[in-house]
Amino acid sequence: MIALEGRLGAGKSVLARAIGHGAGVDVPMPSPSYNLLLRYPAPDQVDVLHIDLYRIGSTDELWELGWSQLGEGNEIVLVEWAERAGGFMPDDHWIIGLTVPDEEPLLRDIEVRRVGHPPELPPFPMSVSVG
């Protein structure tokens, strides 16, 4: 499970799409803001789940998403607004934080943090574009 943190407009959905693409998802990945959870099949029998908790009213709504079963299979679970899950985030997960520097609104500072002992991140191809 990977929590994507950052203010509104920081690029969490863009990052989720990039991770999905890196995992092999070859269909468009719209923001799940209104559906809350979208599932995408990827090669090697992996599913990429993209979850957006921005619109949940309380943590009680997590169970309607099947929260307790997320990540049990061969899944990459990307959670935007994970702080709204409160104490229900698993003990072991990753956090990728995006910060938009005031002086450079087209750039992003990225911080990756490990919480507990999550599995290693997959070795996706990586490239950085500036422009």
C-alpha atoms as a PDB file:
ATOM      1  CA  MET A   1       0.000   0.000   0.000  1.00  0.00           C
ATOM      2  CA  ILE A   2       1.315   3.411  -0.980  1.00  0.00           C
ATOM      3  CA  ALA A   3      -0.138   6.595   0.511  1.00  0.00           C
ATOM      4  CA  LEU A   4       0.113   9.592  -1.816  1.00  0.00           C
ATOM      5  CA  GLU A   5       0.281  12.823   0.144  1.00  0.00           C
ATOM      6  CA  GLY A   6       0.172  16.435  -0.958  1.00  0.00           C
ATOM      7  CA  ARG A   7      -2.133  19.395  -1.143  1.00  0.00           C
ATOM      8  CA  LEU A   8      -4.906  19.677  -3.705  1.00  0.00           C
ATOM      9  CA  GLY A   9      -3.285  20.023  -7.135  1.00  0.00           C
ATOM     10  CA  ALA A  10       0.105  18.680  -6.022  1.00  0.00           C
ATOM     11  CA  GLY A  11      -0.009  15.885  -8.596  1.00  0.00           C
ATOM     12  CA  LYS A  12      -1.124  12.822  -6.625  1.00  0.00           C
ATOM     13  CA  SER A  13      -3.353  11.522  -9.439  1.00  0.00           C
ATOM     14  CA  VAL A  14      -0.637  12.190 -12.006  1.00  0.00           C
ATOM     15  CA  LEU A  15       1.813  10.208  -9.876  1.00  0.00           C
ATOM     16  CA  ALA A  16      -0.725   7.386  -9.460  1.00  0.00           C
ATOM     17  CA  ARG A  17      -1.111   7.204 -13.248  1.00  0.00           C
ATOM     18  CA  ALA A  18       2.670   7.130 -13.666  1.00  0.00           C
ATOM     19  CA  ILE A  19       2.990   4.290 -11.153  1.00  0.00           C
ATOM     20  CA  GLY A  20       0.151   2.426 -12.890  1.00  0.00           C
ATOM     21  CA  HIS A  21       1.830   2.926 -16.261  1.00  0.00           C
ATOM     22  CA  GLY A  22       5.120   1.695 -14.803  1.00  0.00           C
ATOM     23  CA  ALA A  23       3.314  -1.408 -13.531  1.00  0.00           C
ATOM     24  CA  GLY A  24       2.021  -2.048 -17.044  1.00  0.00           C
ATOM     25  CA  VAL A  25      -1.493  -0.587 -16.955  1.00  0.00           C
ATOM     26  CA  ASP A  26      -2.223   0.293 -20.577  1.00  0.00           C
ATOM     27  CA  VAL A  27      -5.642   1.958 -20.243  1.00  0.00           C
ATOM     28  CA  PRO A  28      -6.487   5.516 -19.165  1.00  0.00           C
ATOM     29  CA  MET A  29      -6.547   5.984 -15.381  1.00  0.00           C
ATOM     30  CA  PRO A  30      -8.926   8.841 -14.542  1.00  0.00           C
ATOM     31  CA  SER A  31      -8.995  10.263 -11.039  1.00  0.00           C
ATOM     32  CA  PRO A  32     -11.217   8.140  -8.778  1.00  0.00           C
ATOM     33  CA  SER A  33     -12.603  11.230  -6.998  1.00  0.00           C
ATOM     34  CA  TYR A  34     -16.223  10.276  -7.649  1.00  0.00           C
ATOM     35  CA  ASN A  35     -15.889   6.472  -7.749  1.00  0.00           C
ATOM     36  CA  LEU A  36     -13.486   6.399  -4.781  1.00  0.00           C
ATOM     37  CA  LEU A  37     -11.835   3.150  -5.945  1.00  0.00           C
ATOM     38  CA  LEU A  38     -10.812   2.031  -9.426  1.00  0.00           C
ATOM     39  CA  ARG A  39      -9.094  -1.277 -10.226  1.00  0.00           C
ATOM     40  CA  TYR A  40      -6.805  -1.819 -13.220  1.00  0.00           C
ATOM     41  CA  PRO A  41      -5.332  -5.122 -14.348  1.00  0.00           C
ATOM     42  CA  ALA A  42      -1.638  -5.092 -15.162  1.00  0.00           C
ATOM     43  CA  PRO A  43       0.674  -7.771 -16.562  1.00  0.00           C
ATOM     44  CA  ASP A  44       1.934 -10.617 -14.377  1.00  0.00           C
ATOM     45  CA  GLN A  45      -1.452 -10.956 -12.660  1.00  0.00           C
ATOM     46  CA  VAL A  46      -1.009  -7.730 -10.702  1.00  0.00           C
ATOM     47  CA  ASP A  47      -3.872  -5.326 -10.082  1.00  0.00           C
ATOM     48  CA  VAL A  48      -3.333  -1.620  -9.514  1.00  0.00           C
ATOM     49  CA  LEU A  49      -5.953  -0.106  -7.220  1.00  0.00           C
ATOM     50  CA  HIS A  50      -6.298   3.675  -7.225  1.00  0.00           C
ATOM     51  CA  ILE A  51      -8.248   5.010  -4.261  1.00  0.00           C
ATOM     52  CA  ASP A  52      -9.189   8.616  -3.499  1.00  0.00           C
ATOM     53  CA  LEU A  53     -10.451   9.233   0.048  1.00  0.00           C
ATOM     54  CA  TYR A  54     -10.975  12.979  -0.397  1.00  0.00           C
ATOM     55  CA  ARG A  55     -14.773  12.662  -0.435  1.00  0.00           C
ATOM     56  CA  ILE A  56     -15.296  10.203   2.413  1.00  0.00           C
ATOM     57  CA  GLY A  57     -17.220  11.644   5.338  1.00  0.00           C
ATOM     58  CA  SER A  58     -15.911   9.271   7.997  1.00  0.00           C
ATOM     59  CA  THR A  59     -13.715   6.224   8.384  1.00  0.00           C
ATOM     60  CA  ASP A  60     -16.900   4.116   8.540  1.00  0.00           C
ATOM     61  CA  GLU A  61     -17.074   4.475   4.745  1.00  0.00           C
ATOM     62  CA  LEU A  62     -13.769   2.598   4.347  1.00  0.00           C
ATOM     63  CA  TRP A  63     -15.487  -0.726   4.917  1.00  0.00           C
ATOM     64  CA  GLU A  64     -17.795  -0.122   1.937  1.00  0.00           C
ATOM     65  CA  LEU A  65     -14.641  -0.050  -0.187  1.00  0.00           C
ATOM     66  CA  GLY A  66     -13.560  -3.464   1.090  1.00  0.00           C
ATOM     67  CA  TRP A  67     -10.762  -1.749   3.019  1.00  0.00           C
ATOM     68  CA  SER A  68      -9.861  -4.768   5.159  1.00  0.00           C
ATOM     69  CA  GLN A  69      -9.150  -6.905   2.062  1.00  0.00           C
ATOM     70  CA  LEU A  70      -7.076  -4.328   0.169  1.00  0.00           C
ATOM     71  CA  GLY A  71      -3.541  -5.423  -0.512  1.00  0.00           C
ATOM     72  CA  GLU A  72      -4.161  -9.066   0.391  1.00  0.00           C
ATOM     73  CA  GLY A  73      -3.651 -10.269  -3.178  1.00  0.00           C
ATOM     74  CA  ASN A  74      -1.057  -9.357  -5.744  1.00  0.00           C
ATOM     75  CA  GLU A  75      -2.026  -5.682  -5.707  1.00  0.00           C
ATOM     76  CA  ILE A  76      -0.410  -2.292  -5.770  1.00  0.00           C
ATOM     77  CA  VAL A  77      -2.740  -0.078  -3.727  1.00  0.00           C
ATOM     78  CA  LEU A  78      -2.364   3.681  -4.262  1.00  0.00           C
ATOM     79  CA  VAL A  79      -4.282   5.817  -1.758  1.00  0.00           C
ATOM     80  CA  GLU A  80      -4.771   9.542  -2.219  1.00  0.00           C
ATOM     81  CA  TRP A  81      -5.727  11.485   0.904  1.00  0.00           C
ATOM     82  CA  ALA A  82      -4.678   8.488   3.037  1.00  0.00           C
ATOM     83  CA  GLU A  83      -4.692  10.643   6.170  1.00  0.00           C
ATOM     84  CA  ARG A  84      -8.514  10.409   6.013  1.00  0.00           C
ATOM     85  CA  ALA A  85      -8.191   6.683   6.750  1.00  0.00           C
ATOM     86  CA  GLY A  86      -7.025   7.647  10.220  1.00  0.00           C
ATOM     87  CA  GLY A  87      -5.641   4.710  12.161  1.00  0.00           C
ATOM     88  CA  PHE A  88      -6.900   2.240   9.560  1.00  0.00           C
ATOM     89  CA  MET A  89      -3.842   2.487   7.336  1.00  0.00           C
ATOM     90  CA  PRO A  90      -1.910  -0.764   7.675  1.00  0.00           C
ATOM     91  CA  ASP A  91       1.069  -0.811  10.007  1.00  0.00           C
ATOM     92  CA  ASP A  92       3.331  -1.475   7.025  1.00  0.00           C
ATOM     93  CA  HIS A  93       3.042   0.910   4.060  1.00  0.00           C
ATOM     94  CA  TRP A  94       4.877   3.492   1.997  1.00  0.00           C
ATOM     95  CA  ILE A  95       4.249   7.237   1.893  1.00  0.00           C
ATOM     96  CA  ILE A  96       5.122   9.337  -1.126  1.00  0.00           C
ATOM     97  CA  GLY A  97       4.771  13.023  -0.317  1.00  0.00           C
ATOM     98  CA  LEU A  98       4.555  15.696  -3.000  1.00  0.00           C
ATOM     99  CA  THR A  99       5.312  19.329  -2.202  1.00  0.00           C
ATOM    100  CA  VAL A 100       4.974  22.223  -4.627  1.00  0.00           C
ATOM    101  CA  PRO A 101       7.701  24.804  -3.928  1.00  0.00           C
ATOM    102  CA  ASP A 102       6.248  28.343  -3.838  1.00  0.00           C
ATOM    103  CA  GLU A 103       9.051  29.703  -6.004  1.00  0.00           C
ATOM    104  CA  GLU A 104       8.773  26.941  -8.652  1.00  0.00           C
ATOM    105  CA  PRO A 105       5.085  25.972  -9.111  1.00  0.00           C
ATOM    106  CA  LEU A 106       5.892  23.634 -12.036  1.00  0.00           C
ATOM    107  CA  LEU A 107       8.323  21.519  -9.984  1.00  0.00           C
ATOM    108  CA  ARG A 108       7.637  18.981  -7.235  1.00  0.00           C
ATOM    109  CA  ASP A 109       9.690  17.920  -4.258  1.00  0.00           C
ATOM    110  CA  ILE A 110       9.167  14.206  -3.640  1.00  0.00           C
ATOM    111  CA  GLU A 111       9.795  12.409  -0.361  1.00  0.00           C
ATOM    112  CA  VAL A 112       9.464   8.630  -0.026  1.00  0.00           C
ATOM    113  CA  ARG A 113       9.066   7.217   3.483  1.00  0.00           C
ATOM    114  CA  ARG A 114       8.703   3.670   4.734  1.00  0.00           C
ATOM    115  CA  VAL A 115       6.297   3.038   7.623  1.00  0.00           C
ATOM    116  CA  GLY A 116       6.878  -0.259   9.405  1.00  0.00           C
ATOM    117  CA  HIS A 117       8.126  -3.062   7.177  1.00  0.00           C
ATOM    118  CA  PRO A 118       6.257  -2.938   3.860  1.00  0.00           C
ATOM    119  CA  PRO A 119       7.435  -5.039   0.921  1.00  0.00           C
ATOM    120  CA  GLU A 120      10.074  -3.448  -1.258  1.00  0.00           C
ATOM    121  CA  LEU A 121       8.774  -1.159  -3.978  1.00  0.00           C
ATOM    122  CA  PRO A 122       8.688  -2.828  -7.407  1.00  0.00           C
ATOM    123  CA  PRO A 123      11.608  -1.987  -9.706  1.00  0.00           C
ATOM    124  CA  PHE A 124       9.647   0.065 -12.229  1.00  0.00           C
ATOM    125  CA  PRO A 125      11.478   1.856 -15.014  1.00  0.00           C
ATOM    126  CA  MET A 126      11.968   5.459 -13.973  1.00  0.00           C
ATOM    127  CA  SER A 127      12.589   8.641 -15.868  1.00  0.00           C
ATOM    128  CA  VAL A 128      12.320  12.256 -14.850  1.00  0.00           C
ATOM    129  CA  SER A 129      11.219  14.977 -17.237  1.00  0.00           C
ATOM    130  CA  VAL A 130      11.728  18.634 -16.529  1.00  0.00           C
ATOM    131  CA  GLY A 131      10.236  21.147 -18.836  1.00  0.00           C
END
